[in-house]
Amino acid sequence: MGETEQRIYCGSGWHECEFYTEAEKVALELAEHVTLIPTKRVPDELYQRVREHYDEKQYVDLVLIINQINSWNRISIAMGNIATGK
């Protein structure tokens, strides 16, 4: 879909990568906070930074997408699926 392997493989190291835009970085940070909401929550400061790049509808869409992916992961884990690396 036009995404480079470098950007895909470096997703977990997005903090250190210069090839993600500021909008992408703040979306990835939001994903971390939503995924770890019991311990990280979504601070007002992060919400404000996200809103610098995304309007209200886009923010809602991001939160819904993050939660959908988290849901798929949890269902997969609960069903005993294990990543094989293949």
Protein backbone atom coordinates (compact mmCIF):
# COMPACT_ATOMS: atom_id res chain seq x y z
CA MET A 1 0.00 0.00 0.00
CA GLY A 2 2.97 2.29 -0.52
CA GLU A 3 4.52 1.97 2.94
CA THR A 4 8.23 1.17 3.11
CA GLU A 5 9.54 -1.88 4.96
CA GLN A 6 11.80 0.42 6.97
CA ARG A 7 8.83 2.35 8.40
CA ILE A 8 6.92 -0.86 9.15
CA TYR A 9 9.83 -2.61 10.86
CA CYS A 10 10.74 0.46 12.92
CA GLY A 11 7.24 0.96 14.30
CA SER A 12 8.24 -0.10 17.79
CA GLY A 13 11.17 2.33 17.77
CA TRP A 14 9.22 5.31 16.50
CA HIS A 15 10.61 7.54 19.27
CA GLU A 16 14.09 7.49 17.74
CA CYS A 17 13.15 7.52 14.06
CA GLU A 18 13.37 10.67 11.99
CA PHE A 19 11.27 9.38 9.10
CA TYR A 20 7.92 9.54 10.93
CA THR A 21 6.12 12.87 10.78
CA GLU A 22 5.18 14.73 13.95
CA ALA A 23 1.53 13.83 13.28
CA GLU A 24 2.44 10.14 13.01
CA LYS A 25 4.55 10.27 16.15
CA VAL A 26 1.79 11.84 18.22
CA ALA A 27 -0.69 9.23 16.89
CA LEU A 28 1.71 6.44 17.88
CA GLU A 29 2.14 8.01 21.31
CA LEU A 30 -1.63 8.16 21.67
CA ALA A 31 -1.80 4.48 20.72
CA GLU A 32 0.66 3.62 23.49
CA HIS A 33 -1.31 5.58 26.06
CA VAL A 34 -4.68 4.13 25.04
CA THR A 35 -3.25 0.60 24.94
CA LEU A 36 -1.75 1.02 28.41
CA ILE A 37 -4.61 3.12 29.76
CA PRO A 38 -4.62 1.55 33.25
CA THR A 39 -1.12 2.93 33.88
CA LYS A 40 -0.59 5.71 31.31
CA ARG A 41 -4.04 7.24 30.77
CA VAL A 42 -4.31 10.02 28.15
CA PRO A 43 -3.03 13.22 29.74
CA ASP A 44 -4.51 16.56 28.70
CA GLU A 45 -1.13 17.60 27.33
CA LEU A 46 -1.10 14.63 24.93
CA TYR A 47 -4.69 15.31 23.89
CA GLN A 48 -3.70 18.90 23.04
CA ARG A 49 -0.70 17.75 20.99
CA VAL A 50 -2.85 15.27 19.08
CA ARG A 51 -5.38 18.01 18.36
CA GLU A 52 -2.65 20.16 16.81
CA HIS A 53 -2.53 17.59 14.00
CA TYR A 54 -6.00 16.04 13.98
CA ASP A 55 -9.47 17.55 14.20
CA GLU A 56 -12.13 16.20 16.57
CA LYS A 57 -13.48 13.60 14.10
CA GLN A 58 -9.97 12.41 13.26
CA TYR A 59 -9.18 12.15 16.98
CA VAL A 60 -12.27 10.02 17.55
CA ASP A 61 -11.35 7.88 14.52
CA LEU A 62 -7.82 7.38 15.91
CA VAL A 63 -9.15 6.28 19.30
CA LEU A 64 -11.63 3.89 17.67
CA ILE A 65 -8.94 2.40 15.38
CA ILE A 66 -6.54 1.95 18.30
CA ASN A 67 -9.24 0.22 20.34
CA GLN A 68 -10.26 -2.00 17.43
CA ILE A 69 -6.69 -3.22 16.93
CA ASN A 70 -6.31 -3.76 20.70
CA SER A 71 -9.55 -5.74 20.67
CA TRP A 72 -8.34 -7.96 17.80
CA ASN A 73 -5.08 -8.59 19.64
CA ARG A 74 -6.87 -9.52 22.87
CA ILE A 75 -9.27 -11.85 21.05
CA SER A 76 -6.36 -13.52 19.28
CA ILE A 77 -4.46 -13.99 22.54
CA ALA A 78 -7.57 -15.31 24.32
CA MET A 79 -8.10 -17.84 21.50
CA GLY A 80 -4.56 -19.15 21.94
CA ASN A 81 -3.09 -17.74 18.75
CA ILE A 82 0.65 -17.28 18.95
CA ALA A 83 2.82 -15.28 16.57
CA THR A 84 5.14 -17.69 14.80
CA GLY A 85 7.30 -15.22 12.94
CA LYS A 86 6.50 -16.86 9.62
